[in-house]
C-alpha atoms as a PDB file:
ATOM      1  CA  UNK A   1      98.282   3.940  49.601  1.00  0.00           C
ATOM      2  CA  UNK A   2      99.786   5.556  46.500  1.00  0.00           C
ATOM      3  CA  UNK A   3     100.862   9.202  46.539  1.00  0.00           C
ATOM      4  CA  UNK A   4      98.029  10.072  44.144  1.00  0.00           C
ATOM      5  CA  UNK A   5      95.443   8.339  46.350  1.00  0.00           C
ATOM      6  CA  UNK A   6      96.769  10.134  49.443  1.00  0.00           C
ATOM      7  CA  UNK A   7      96.740  13.513  47.680  1.00  0.00           C
ATOM      8  CA  UNK A   8      93.222  12.870  46.340  1.00  0.00           C
ATOM      9  CA  UNK A   9      91.993  12.064  49.854  1.00  0.00           C
ATOM     10  CA  UNK A  10      93.319  15.364  51.200  1.00  0.00           C
ATOM     11  CA  UNK A  11      92.063  17.313  48.216  1.00  0.00           C
ATOM     12  CA  UNK A  12      88.591  15.794  48.361  1.00  0.00           C
ATOM     13  CA  UNK A  13      88.197  17.019  51.942  1.00  0.00           C
ATOM     14  CA  UNK A  14      89.172  20.541  50.850  1.00  0.00           C
ATOM     15  CA  UNK A  15      86.955  20.445  47.767  1.00  0.00           C
ATOM     16  CA  UNK A  16      83.944  19.542  49.887  1.00  0.00           C
ATOM     17  CA  UNK A  17      84.381  22.866  51.662  1.00  0.00           C
ATOM     18  CA  UNK A  18      84.204  24.676  48.324  1.00  0.00           C
ATOM     19  CA  UNK A  19      81.610  22.483  46.602  1.00  0.00           C
ATOM     20  CA  UNK A  20      79.339  21.039  49.332  1.00  0.00           C
ATOM     21  CA  UNK A  21      76.407  20.688  46.914  1.00  0.00           C
ATOM     22  CA  UNK A  22      78.339  18.514  44.470  1.00  0.00           C
ATOM     23  CA  UNK A  23      77.523  14.818  44.756  1.00  0.00           C
ATOM     24  CA  UNK A  24      80.160  12.660  46.425  1.00  0.00           C
ATOM     25  CA  UNK A  25      80.997  10.574  43.353  1.00  0.00           C
ATOM     26  CA  UNK A  26      81.839  13.462  40.946  1.00  0.00           C
ATOM     27  CA  UNK A  27      83.578  15.277  43.804  1.00  0.00           C
ATOM     28  CA  UNK A  28      85.805  12.253  44.465  1.00  0.00           C
ATOM     29  CA  UNK A  29      86.550  11.846  40.757  1.00  0.00           C
ATOM     30  CA  UNK A  30      87.460  15.528  40.464  1.00  0.00           C
ATOM     31  CA  UNK A  31      89.896  15.148  43.380  1.00  0.00           C
ATOM     32  CA  UNK A  32      91.443  12.047  41.790  1.00  0.00           C
ATOM     33  CA  UNK A  33      91.840  13.720  38.399  1.00  0.00           C
ATOM     34  CA  UNK A  34      93.439  16.855  39.858  1.00  0.00           C
ATOM     35  CA  UNK A  35      95.803  14.729  41.949  1.00  0.00           C
ATOM     36  CA  UNK A  36      96.799  12.515  39.001  1.00  0.00           C
ATOM     37  CA  UNK A  37      97.531  15.546  36.806  1.00  0.00           C
ATOM     38  CA  UNK A  38      99.621  17.134  39.580  1.00  0.00           C
ATOM     39  CA  UNK A  39     101.550  13.886  40.029  1.00  0.00           C
ATOM     40  CA  UNK A  40     102.098  13.461  36.270  1.00  0.00           C
ATOM     41  CA  UNK A  41     102.838  17.176  35.769  1.00  0.00           C
ATOM     42  CA  UNK A  42     101.435  16.661  32.317  1.00  0.00           C
ATOM     43  CA  UNK A  43      98.252  16.956  30.276  1.00  0.00           C
ATOM     44  CA  UNK A  44      99.198  13.889  28.259  1.00  0.00           C
ATOM     45  CA  UNK A  45      96.182  11.824  29.234  1.00  0.00           C
ATOM     46  CA  UNK A  46      97.973   8.502  28.784  1.00  0.00           C
ATOM     47  CA  UNK A  47     100.525   9.617  31.379  1.00  0.00           C
ATOM     48  CA  UNK A  48      97.727  10.763  33.661  1.00  0.00           C
ATOM     49  CA  UNK A  49      95.862   7.483  33.165  1.00  0.00           C
ATOM     50  CA  UNK A  50      98.910   5.505  34.267  1.00  0.00           C
ATOM     51  CA  UNK A  51      98.802   7.268  37.650  1.00  0.00           C
ATOM     52  CA  UNK A  52      95.123   6.817  38.427  1.00  0.00           C
ATOM     53  CA  UNK A  53      94.617   4.963  41.744  1.00  0.00           C
ATOM     54  CA  UNK A  54      92.079   2.516  40.321  1.00  0.00           C
ATOM     55  CA  UNK A  55      92.183  -1.269  40.364  1.00  0.00           C
ATOM     56  CA  UNK A  56      92.474  -2.088  36.690  1.00  0.00           C
ATOM     57  CA  UNK A  57      95.919  -2.119  35.096  1.00  0.00           C
ATOM     58  CA  UNK A  58      94.545  -1.959  31.554  1.00  0.00           C
ATOM     59  CA  UNK A  59      95.562   1.380  30.086  1.00  0.00           C
ATOM     60  CA  UNK A  60      92.501   1.452  27.806  1.00  0.00           C
ATOM     61  CA  UNK A  61      90.208   1.113  30.798  1.00  0.00           C
ATOM     62  CA  UNK A  62      92.091   3.852  32.636  1.00  0.00           C
ATOM     63  CA  UNK A  63      91.863   6.165  29.632  1.00  0.00           C
ATOM     64  CA  UNK A  64      88.136   5.418  29.366  1.00  0.00           C
ATOM     65  CA  UNK A  65      87.771   6.507  33.016  1.00  0.00           C
ATOM     66  CA  UNK A  66      89.298   9.886  32.093  1.00  0.00           C
ATOM     67  CA  UNK A  67      87.076  10.244  29.041  1.00  0.00           C
ATOM     68  CA  UNK A  68      83.975   9.606  31.159  1.00  0.00           C
ATOM     69  CA  UNK A  69      85.103  12.194  33.688  1.00  0.00           C
ATOM     70  CA  UNK A  70      85.838  14.838  31.043  1.00  0.00           C
ATOM     71  CA  UNK A  71      82.467  14.349  29.336  1.00  0.00           C
ATOM     72  CA  UNK A  72      80.291  14.012  32.447  1.00  0.00           C
ATOM     73  CA  UNK A  73      77.561  16.625  32.873  1.00  0.00           C
ATOM     74  CA  UNK A  74      77.497  16.247  36.667  1.00  0.00           C
ATOM     75  CA  UNK A  75      80.014  19.115  36.972  1.00  0.00           C
ATOM     76  CA  UNK A  76      79.557  22.591  35.506  1.00  0.00           C
ATOM     77  CA  UNK A  77      83.003  24.117  34.998  1.00  0.00           C
ATOM     78  CA  UNK A  78      82.027  27.706  35.751  1.00  0.00           C
ATOM     79  CA  UNK A  79      79.912  26.756  38.751  1.00  0.00           C
ATOM     80  CA  UNK A  80      82.804  24.679  40.095  1.00  0.00           C
ATOM     81  CA  UNK A  81      85.204  27.625  39.749  1.00  0.00           C
ATOM     82  CA  UNK A  82      82.860  30.163  41.306  1.00  0.00           C
ATOM     83  CA  UNK A  83      83.673  29.485  45.003  1.00  0.00           C
ATOM     84  CA  UNK A  84      87.415  29.624  44.280  1.00  0.00           C
ATOM     85  CA  UNK A  85      86.973  32.884  42.397  1.00  0.00           C
ATOM     86  CA  UNK A  86      84.730  34.257  45.130  1.00  0.00           C
ATOM     87  CA  UNK A  87      87.345  33.495  47.779  1.00  0.00           C
ATOM     88  CA  UNK A  88      90.253  35.126  45.962  1.00  0.00           C
ATOM     89  CA  UNK A  89      88.205  38.206  44.980  1.00  0.00           C
ATOM     90  CA  UNK A  90      87.035  38.592  48.591  1.00  0.00           C
ATOM     91  CA  UNK A  91      90.632  38.327  49.833  1.00  0.00           C
ATOM     92  CA  UNK A  92      91.775  41.091  47.450  1.00  0.00           C
ATOM     93  CA  UNK A  93      88.890  43.349  48.483  1.00  0.00           C
ATOM     94  CA  UNK A  94      89.477  42.657  52.187  1.00  0.00           C
ATOM     95  CA  UNK A  95      92.982  44.096  51.804  1.00  0.00           C
ATOM     96  CA  UNK A  96      91.489  47.230  50.265  1.00  0.00           C
ATOM     97  CA  UNK A  97      93.203  46.559  46.944  1.00  0.00           C
ATOM     98  CA  UNK A  98      91.937  47.154  43.439  1.00  0.00           C
ATOM     99  CA  UNK A  99      90.891  43.934  41.705  1.00  0.00           C
ATOM    100  CA  UNK A 100      93.309  43.734  38.773  1.00  0.00           C
ATOM    101  CA  UNK A 101      91.749  41.719  35.949  1.00  0.00           C
ATOM    102  CA  UNK A 102      93.533  40.574  32.804  1.00  0.00           C
ATOM    103  CA  UNK A 103      91.887  39.386  29.602  1.00  0.00           C
ATOM    104  CA  UNK A 104      93.849  37.373  27.074  1.00  0.00           C
ATOM    105  CA  UNK A 105      93.694  34.438  24.718  1.00  0.00           C
ATOM    106  CA  UNK A 106      95.858  31.394  24.221  1.00  0.00           C
ATOM    107  CA  UNK A 107      95.631  28.667  21.612  1.00  0.00           C
ATOM    108  CA  UNK A 108      95.905  24.914  22.077  1.00  0.00           C
ATOM    109  CA  UNK A 109      97.433  22.955  19.199  1.00  0.00           C
ATOM    110  CA  UNK A 110      96.236  25.598  16.721  1.00  0.00           C
ATOM    111  CA  UNK A 111      92.803  23.996  16.881  1.00  0.00           C
ATOM    112  CA  UNK A 112      91.203  25.678  19.909  1.00  0.00           C
ATOM    113  CA  UNK A 113      91.143  29.155  21.381  1.00  0.00           C
ATOM    114  CA  UNK A 114      90.842  29.797  25.107  1.00  0.00           C
ATOM    115  CA  UNK A 115      89.433  33.161  26.183  1.00  0.00           C
ATOM    116  CA  UNK A 116      90.734  33.645  29.721  1.00  0.00           C
ATOM    117  CA  UNK A 117      89.976  36.107  32.510  1.00  0.00           C
ATOM    118  CA  UNK A 118      92.372  36.123  35.453  1.00  0.00           C
ATOM    119  CA  UNK A 119      92.903  38.090  38.664  1.00  0.00           C
ATOM    120  CA  UNK A 120      96.290  39.317  39.858  1.00  0.00           C
ATOM    121  CA  UNK A 121      97.364  37.904  43.234  1.00  0.00           C
ATOM    122  CA  UNK A 122     100.776  39.105  44.360  1.00  0.00           C
ATOM    123  CA  UNK A 123     103.105  38.804  41.376  1.00  0.00           C
ATOM    124  CA  UNK A 124     101.082  36.221  39.484  1.00  0.00           C
ATOM    125  CA  UNK A 125      97.612  35.646  38.098  1.00  0.00           C
ATOM    126  CA  UNK A 126      94.977  33.058  38.962  1.00  0.00           C
ATOM    127  CA  UNK A 127      92.185  31.994  36.586  1.00  0.00           C
ATOM    128  CA  UNK A 128      88.635  33.174  37.192  1.00  0.00           C
ATOM    129  CA  UNK A 129      86.685  31.916  34.202  1.00  0.00           C
ATOM    130  CA  UNK A 130      87.206  31.041  30.561  1.00  0.00           C
ATOM    131  CA  UNK A 131      85.581  30.021  27.311  1.00  0.00           C
ATOM    132  CA  UNK A 132      86.927  27.378  24.914  1.00  0.00           C
ATOM    133  CA  UNK A 133      86.033  27.359  21.219  1.00  0.00           C
ATOM    134  CA  UNK A 134      87.228  25.325  18.255  1.00  0.00           C
ATOM    135  CA  UNK A 135      89.018  27.829  16.003  1.00  0.00           C
ATOM    136  CA  UNK A 136      92.301  28.458  14.212  1.00  0.00           C
ATOM    137  CA  UNK A 137      92.532  32.201  14.787  1.00  0.00           C
ATOM    138  CA  UNK A 138      91.566  34.743  17.417  1.00  0.00           C
ATOM    139  CA  UNK A 139      88.266  34.442  19.213  1.00  0.00           C
ATOM    140  CA  UNK A 140      85.995  37.454  18.569  1.00  0.00           C
ATOM    141  CA  UNK A 141      85.538  40.118  21.220  1.00  0.00           C
ATOM    142  CA  UNK A 142      81.955  38.946  21.770  1.00  0.00           C
ATOM    143  CA  UNK A 143      83.383  35.903  23.586  1.00  0.00           C
ATOM    144  CA  UNK A 144      84.954  38.157  26.246  1.00  0.00           C
ATOM    145  CA  UNK A 145      82.107  40.495  27.143  1.00  0.00           C
ATOM    146  CA  UNK A 146      80.186  37.673  28.926  1.00  0.00           C
ATOM    147  CA  UNK A 147      83.259  37.123  31.102  1.00  0.00           C
ATOM    148  CA  UNK A 148      83.092  40.744  32.244  1.00  0.00           C
ATOM    149  CA  UNK A 149      79.329  40.403  32.795  1.00  0.00           C
ATOM    150  CA  UNK A 150      80.005  37.373  34.999  1.00  0.00           C
ATOM    151  CA  UNK A 151      82.641  39.336  36.949  1.00  0.00           C
ATOM    152  CA  UNK A 152      80.136  42.105  37.600  1.00  0.00           C
ATOM    153  CA  UNK A 153      77.862  39.576  39.327  1.00  0.00           C
ATOM    154  CA  UNK A 154      80.732  38.366  41.510  1.00  0.00           C
ATOM    155  CA  UNK A 155      81.765  41.659  43.112  1.00  0.00           C
ATOM    156  CA  UNK A 156      79.911  43.942  45.526  1.00  0.00           C
ATOM    157  CA  UNK A 157      78.748  47.423  44.634  1.00  0.00           C
ATOM    158  CA  UNK A 158      81.576  49.987  44.357  1.00  0.00           C
ATOM    159  CA  UNK A 159      84.368  47.383  44.341  1.00  0.00           C
ATOM    160  CA  UNK A 160      87.367  48.780  42.472  1.00  0.00           C
ATOM    161  CA  UNK A 161      88.182  46.845  39.304  1.00  0.00           C
ATOM    162  CA  UNK A 162      90.950  47.526  36.784  1.00  0.00           C
ATOM    163  CA  UNK A 163      90.750  45.652  33.460  1.00  0.00           C
ATOM    164  CA  UNK A 164      93.966  45.128  31.496  1.00  0.00           C
ATOM    165  CA  UNK A 165      94.183  43.787  27.951  1.00  0.00           C
ATOM    166  CA  UNK A 166      96.503  43.723  24.936  1.00  0.00           C
ATOM    167  CA  UNK A 167      96.085  45.313  21.491  1.00  0.00           C
ATOM    168  CA  UNK A 168      93.585  42.756  20.214  1.00  0.00           C
ATOM    169  CA  UNK A 169      91.101  44.026  22.828  1.00  0.00           C
ATOM    170  CA  UNK A 170      91.376  47.716  21.972  1.00  0.00           C
ATOM    171  CA  UNK A 171      87.905  47.884  20.431  1.00  0.00           C
ATOM    172  CA  UNK A 172      84.879  50.088  21.103  1.00  0.00           C
ATOM    173  CA  UNK A 173      82.855  46.977  22.007  1.00  0.00           C
ATOM    174  CA  UNK A 174      85.088  45.879  24.866  1.00  0.00           C
ATOM    175  CA  UNK A 175      85.783  49.388  26.183  1.00  0.00           C
ATOM    176  CA  UNK A 176      82.066  50.177  26.123  1.00  0.00           C
ATOM    177  CA  UNK A 177      81.522  47.074  28.239  1.00  0.00           C
ATOM    178  CA  UNK A 178      84.085  48.271  30.812  1.00  0.00           C
ATOM    179  CA  UNK A 179      82.429  51.682  30.932  1.00  0.00           C
ATOM    180  CA  UNK A 180      78.982  50.124  31.320  1.00  0.00           C
ATOM    181  CA  UNK A 181      80.125  48.150  34.378  1.00  0.00           C
ATOM    182  CA  UNK A 182      82.104  51.085  35.799  1.00  0.00           C
ATOM    183  CA  UNK A 183      85.398  49.162  35.529  1.00  0.00           C
ATOM    184  CA  UNK A 184      88.608  51.153  35.233  1.00  0.00           C
ATOM    185  CA  UNK A 185      90.673  50.004  32.252  1.00  0.00           C
ATOM    186  CA  UNK A 186      94.103  50.126  30.664  1.00  0.00           C
ATOM    187  CA  UNK A 187      93.808  48.598  27.206  1.00  0.00           C
ATOM    188  CA  UNK A 188      96.536  48.782  24.598  1.00  0.00           C
ATOM    189  CA  UNK A 189      95.616  50.183  21.183  1.00  0.00           C
ATOM    190  CA  UNK A 190      96.885  49.401  17.714  1.00  0.00           C
ATOM    191  CA  UNK A 191      98.717  52.298  16.098  1.00  0.00           C
ATOM    192  CA  UNK A 192      96.531  52.362  12.992  1.00  0.00           C
ATOM    193  CA  UNK A 193      93.265  53.078  14.842  1.00  0.00           C
ATOM    194  CA  UNK A 194      91.711  56.524  14.467  1.00  0.00           C
ATOM    195  CA  UNK A 195      90.915  58.963  17.259  1.00  0.00           C
ATOM    196  CA  UNK A 196      88.354  61.717  16.681  1.00  0.00           C
ATOM    197  CA  UNK A 197      88.232  64.951  18.683  1.00  0.00           C
ATOM    198  CA  UNK A 198      85.027  66.712  19.665  1.00  0.00           C
ATOM    199  CA  UNK A 199      85.657  69.330  16.962  1.00  0.00           C
ATOM    200  CA  UNK A 200      85.880  66.652  14.297  1.00  0.00           C
ATOM    201  CA  UNK A 201      89.659  66.604  14.054  1.00  0.00           C
ATOM    202  CA  UNK A 202      91.075  63.142  13.451  1.00  0.00           C
ATOM    203  CA  UNK A 203      94.423  61.415  13.844  1.00  0.00           C
ATOM    204  CA  UNK A 204      95.897  57.955  13.973  1.00  0.00           C
ATOM    205  CA  UNK A 205      96.930  56.584  17.339  1.00  0.00           C
ATOM    206  CA  UNK A 206     100.576  56.355  16.253  1.00  0.00           C
ATOM    207  CA  UNK A 207     100.597  60.113  15.469  1.00  0.00           C
ATOM    208  CA  UNK A 208     100.189  60.965  19.153  1.00  0.00           C
ATOM    209  CA  UNK A 209     103.931  61.297  19.971  1.00  0.00           C
ATOM    210  CA  UNK A 210     104.179  64.156  17.471  1.00  0.00           C
ATOM    211  CA  UNK A 211     100.760  65.804  17.746  1.00  0.00           C
ATOM    212  CA  UNK A 212      99.872  65.227  21.418  1.00  0.00           C
ATOM    213  CA  UNK A 213     102.932  64.114  23.416  1.00  0.00           C
ATOM    214  CA  UNK A 214     101.053  64.591  26.717  1.00  0.00           C
ATOM    215  CA  UNK A 215      98.213  62.293  25.682  1.00  0.00           C
ATOM    216  CA  UNK A 216      94.631  63.076  24.725  1.00  0.00           C
ATOM    217  CA  UNK A 217      91.307  63.110  26.576  1.00  0.00           C
ATOM    218  CA  UNK A 218      87.727  62.614  25.449  1.00  0.00           C
ATOM    219  CA  UNK A 219      88.480  61.299  21.973  1.00  0.00           C
ATOM    220  CA  UNK A 220      86.219  58.842  20.184  1.00  0.00           C
ATOM    221  CA  UNK A 221      87.739  55.524  19.172  1.00  0.00           C
ATOM    222  CA  UNK A 222      87.618  54.167  15.617  1.00  0.00           C
ATOM    223  CA  UNK A 223      84.655  56.264  14.498  1.00  0.00           C
ATOM    224  CA  UNK A 224      82.456  55.052  17.344  1.00  0.00           C
ATOM    225  CA  UNK A 225      80.640  56.929  20.110  1.00  0.00           C
ATOM    226  CA  UNK A 226      83.005  55.474  22.742  1.00  0.00           C
ATOM    227  CA  UNK A 227      84.987  58.313  24.343  1.00  0.00           C
ATOM    228  CA  UNK A 228      88.360  57.478  25.919  1.00  0.00           C
ATOM    229  CA  UNK A 229      91.573  59.018  27.160  1.00  0.00           C
ATOM    230  CA  UNK A 230      94.828  57.809  25.631  1.00  0.00           C
ATOM    231  CA  UNK A 231      98.379  57.989  26.975  1.00  0.00           C
ATOM    232  CA  UNK A 232     101.619  56.553  25.696  1.00  0.00           C
ATOM    233  CA  UNK A 233     105.104  55.587  26.798  1.00  0.00           C
ATOM    234  CA  UNK A 234     108.079  54.627  24.645  1.00  0.00           C
ATOM    235  CA  UNK A 235     111.001  53.669  26.844  1.00  0.00           C
ATOM    236  CA  UNK A 236     114.539  53.341  25.561  1.00  0.00           C
ATOM    237  CA  UNK A 237     115.324  49.833  24.374  1.00  0.00           C
ATOM    238  CA  UNK A 238     111.713  48.942  23.651  1.00  0.00           C
ATOM    239  CA  UNK A 239     110.924  48.468  19.954  1.00  0.00           C
ATOM    240  CA  UNK A 240     107.382  49.835  20.204  1.00  0.00           C
ATOM    241  CA  UNK A 241     105.528  52.384  22.317  1.00  0.00           C
ATOM    242  CA  UNK A 242     102.557  51.551  24.466  1.00  0.00           C
ATOM    243  CA  UNK A 243      99.417  53.422  23.416  1.00  0.00           C
ATOM    244  CA  UNK A 244      96.964  52.824  26.247  1.00  0.00           C
ATOM    245  CA  UNK A 245      93.249  53.587  26.310  1.00  0.00           C
ATOM    246  CA  UNK A 246      92.200  54.484  29.846  1.00  0.00           C
ATOM    247  CA  UNK A 247      89.541  56.085  31.985  1.00  0.00           C
ATOM    248  CA  UNK A 248      92.153  58.087  33.944  1.00  0.00           C
ATOM    249  CA  UNK A 249      94.184  61.193  33.113  1.00  0.00           C
ATOM    250  CA  UNK A 250      97.063  60.170  30.839  1.00  0.00           C
ATOM    251  CA  UNK A 251     100.436  60.113  32.583  1.00  0.00           C
ATOM    252  CA  UNK A 252     103.468  57.875  32.697  1.00  0.00           C
ATOM    253  CA  UNK A 253     102.141  56.269  35.883  1.00  0.00           C
ATOM    254  CA  UNK A 254      98.691  55.475  34.523  1.00  0.00           C
ATOM    255  CA  UNK A 255     100.170  54.082  31.297  1.00  0.00           C
ATOM    256  CA  UNK A 256     102.549  51.831  33.224  1.00  0.00           C
ATOM    257  CA  UNK A 257      99.579  50.283  35.061  1.00  0.00           C
ATOM    258  CA  UNK A 258      99.226  48.247  31.882  1.00  0.00           C
ATOM    259  CA  UNK A 259     102.390  46.335  32.776  1.00  0.00           C
ATOM    260  CA  UNK A 260     100.487  44.523  35.540  1.00  0.00           C
ATOM    261  CA  UNK A 261      98.903  42.318  32.870  1.00  0.00           C
ATOM    262  CA  UNK A 262     102.061  40.216  32.432  1.00  0.00           C
ATOM    263  CA  UNK A 263     100.878  37.973  35.244  1.00  0.00           C
ATOM    264  CA  UNK A 264      98.480  36.278  32.827  1.00  0.00           C
ATOM    265  CA  UNK A 265     101.428  35.304  30.620  1.00  0.00           C
ATOM    266  CA  UNK A 266     102.850  33.441  33.626  1.00  0.00           C
ATOM    267  CA  UNK A 267      99.480  31.747  34.069  1.00  0.00           C
ATOM    268  CA  UNK A 268      99.518  30.535  30.481  1.00  0.00           C
ATOM    269  CA  UNK A 269     103.077  29.300  30.991  1.00  0.00           C
ATOM    270  CA  UNK A 270     101.848  27.306  34.010  1.00  0.00           C
ATOM    271  CA  UNK A 271      99.221  25.693  31.811  1.00  0.00           C
ATOM    272  CA  UNK A 272     101.551  25.119  28.891  1.00  0.00           C
ATOM    273  CA  UNK A 273     105.290  25.382  28.198  1.00  0.00           C
ATOM    274  CA  UNK A 274     106.674  25.747  31.742  1.00  0.00           C
ATOM    275  CA  UNK A 275     103.998  23.756  33.512  1.00  0.00           C
ATOM    276  CA  UNK A 276     101.505  21.056  32.637  1.00  0.00           C
ATOM    277  CA  UNK A 277     102.030  21.015  28.867  1.00  0.00           C
ATOM    278  CA  UNK A 278      98.440  21.636  27.827  1.00  0.00           C
ATOM    279  CA  UNK A 279      99.605  21.330  24.217  1.00  0.00           C
ATOM    280  CA  UNK A 280     100.274  17.631  24.786  1.00  0.00           C
ATOM    281  CA  UNK A 281      96.570  16.868  25.034  1.00  0.00           C
ATOM    282  CA  UNK A 282      94.835  15.567  21.930  1.00  0.00           C
ATOM    283  CA  UNK A 283      91.335  16.535  23.033  1.00  0.00           C
ATOM    284  CA  UNK A 284      89.193  17.820  20.186  1.00  0.00           C
ATOM    285  CA  UNK A 285      85.939  18.707  21.911  1.00  0.00           C
ATOM    286  CA  UNK A 286      85.820  22.177  23.499  1.00  0.00           C
ATOM    287  CA  UNK A 287      83.790  20.980  26.494  1.00  0.00           C
ATOM    288  CA  UNK A 288      86.362  18.315  27.374  1.00  0.00           C
ATOM    289  CA  UNK A 289      89.228  20.760  26.965  1.00  0.00           C
ATOM    290  CA  UNK A 290      87.390  23.194  29.237  1.00  0.00           C
ATOM    291  CA  UNK A 291      87.010  20.437  31.846  1.00  0.00           C
ATOM    292  CA  UNK A 292      90.756  19.758  31.664  1.00  0.00           C
ATOM    293  CA  UNK A 293      91.430  23.476  32.216  1.00  0.00           C
ATOM    294  CA  UNK A 294      89.148  23.269  35.274  1.00  0.00           C
ATOM    295  CA  UNK A 295      91.335  20.447  36.605  1.00  0.00           C
ATOM    296  CA  UNK A 296      94.492  22.519  36.048  1.00  0.00           C
ATOM    297  CA  UNK A 297      92.919  25.625  37.577  1.00  0.00           C
ATOM    298  CA  UNK A 298      91.844  23.869  40.770  1.00  0.00           C
ATOM    299  CA  UNK A 299      95.340  22.427  40.998  1.00  0.00           C
ATOM    300  CA  UNK A 300      96.826  25.915  40.725  1.00  0.00           C
ATOM    301  CA  UNK A 301      94.486  27.330  43.366  1.00  0.00           C
ATOM    302  CA  UNK A 302      95.194  24.470  45.748  1.00  0.00           C
ATOM    303  CA  UNK A 303      98.960  24.724  45.267  1.00  0.00           C
ATOM    304  CA  UNK A 304      98.851  28.512  45.704  1.00  0.00           C
ATOM    305  CA  UNK A 305      96.754  28.268  48.872  1.00  0.00           C
ATOM    306  CA  UNK A 306      99.085  25.683  50.398  1.00  0.00           C
ATOM    307  CA  UNK A 307     102.094  27.746  49.391  1.00  0.00           C
ATOM    308  CA  UNK A 308     100.674  30.769  51.200  1.00  0.00           C
ATOM    309  CA  UNK A 309     100.107  28.673  54.320  1.00  0.00           C
ATOM    310  CA  UNK A 310     103.744  27.521  54.261  1.00  0.00           C
ATOM    311  CA  UNK A 311     104.917  31.108  53.875  1.00  0.00           C
ATOM    312  CA  UNK A 312     102.869  32.130  56.918  1.00  0.00           C
ATOM    313  CA  UNK A 313     104.382  29.310  58.974  1.00  0.00           C
ATOM    314  CA  UNK A 314     107.907  30.311  57.977  1.00  0.00           C
ATOM    315  CA  UNK A 315     107.197  33.967  58.843  1.00  0.00           C
ATOM    316  CA  UNK A 316     105.854  32.980  62.275  1.00  0.00           C
ATOM    317  CA  UNK A 317     108.925  30.844  62.971  1.00  0.00           C
ATOM    318  CA  UNK A 318     111.252  33.611  61.853  1.00  0.00           C
ATOM    319  CA  UNK A 319     109.502  36.056  64.174  1.00  0.00           C
END
């Protein structure tokens, strides 16, 4: 038995526990695809095809197998991710921790944008759900609000959620969405946005260090009706300050909460430059690229879960 076949056998048994309603054939194919990608450590589908544990040696036939898997409608990517997301969210809540959510975007070959929502686990982030669109620039904010709506359905009443996002997300639309769902937020703002006081006074965000060095509360963002608090930090050696929209009282501590979002950069590195090389795929259809991200995401969850089990064993032996 090849190493990929052995890994797929083990993974299929685990996947059945997460996806018991998925038919056996697509479940087995999902396990094989995840295992082949892990073995190849690449998203170059020709390299993955060469490692498939199937009888034919014809590379065209192997590649066709992958194409059929990526285009099959027997698996819904978000439905397949839901039990993994549910498990990790439940584990965070069981420890009494705030669910730290990061929103960000990455591009693939300058042809597709991936809107990603992740959850912080330890020092890293794990994917929860995503949207893939064919585009050459940034995806609009309207692609991210459904991700937050989906998150709201996944968590129990009064669960503590903190949403983190970079300057692109500092818009009334996204912040209004966080407020609607009662999510705490730390969202970076661009310096050229306007803030309006209750008395009608107005300033640019980047004027805060001079006019309001302690931060501001209850200001409206960019001429909208969305009221926010804003704090800032500009540490020595950093070229730019952080101007952070938040639902808390501005302070150095609440501003620095924003730094927790860097875990999603590590996640993107796992997908791309320091991991599976997502850029090496030549997929052009968003649905097939989304399916490939599902394969990578399940691989990351499975590797993380097994890594935690090994850590527990080592701790027990050390004790």
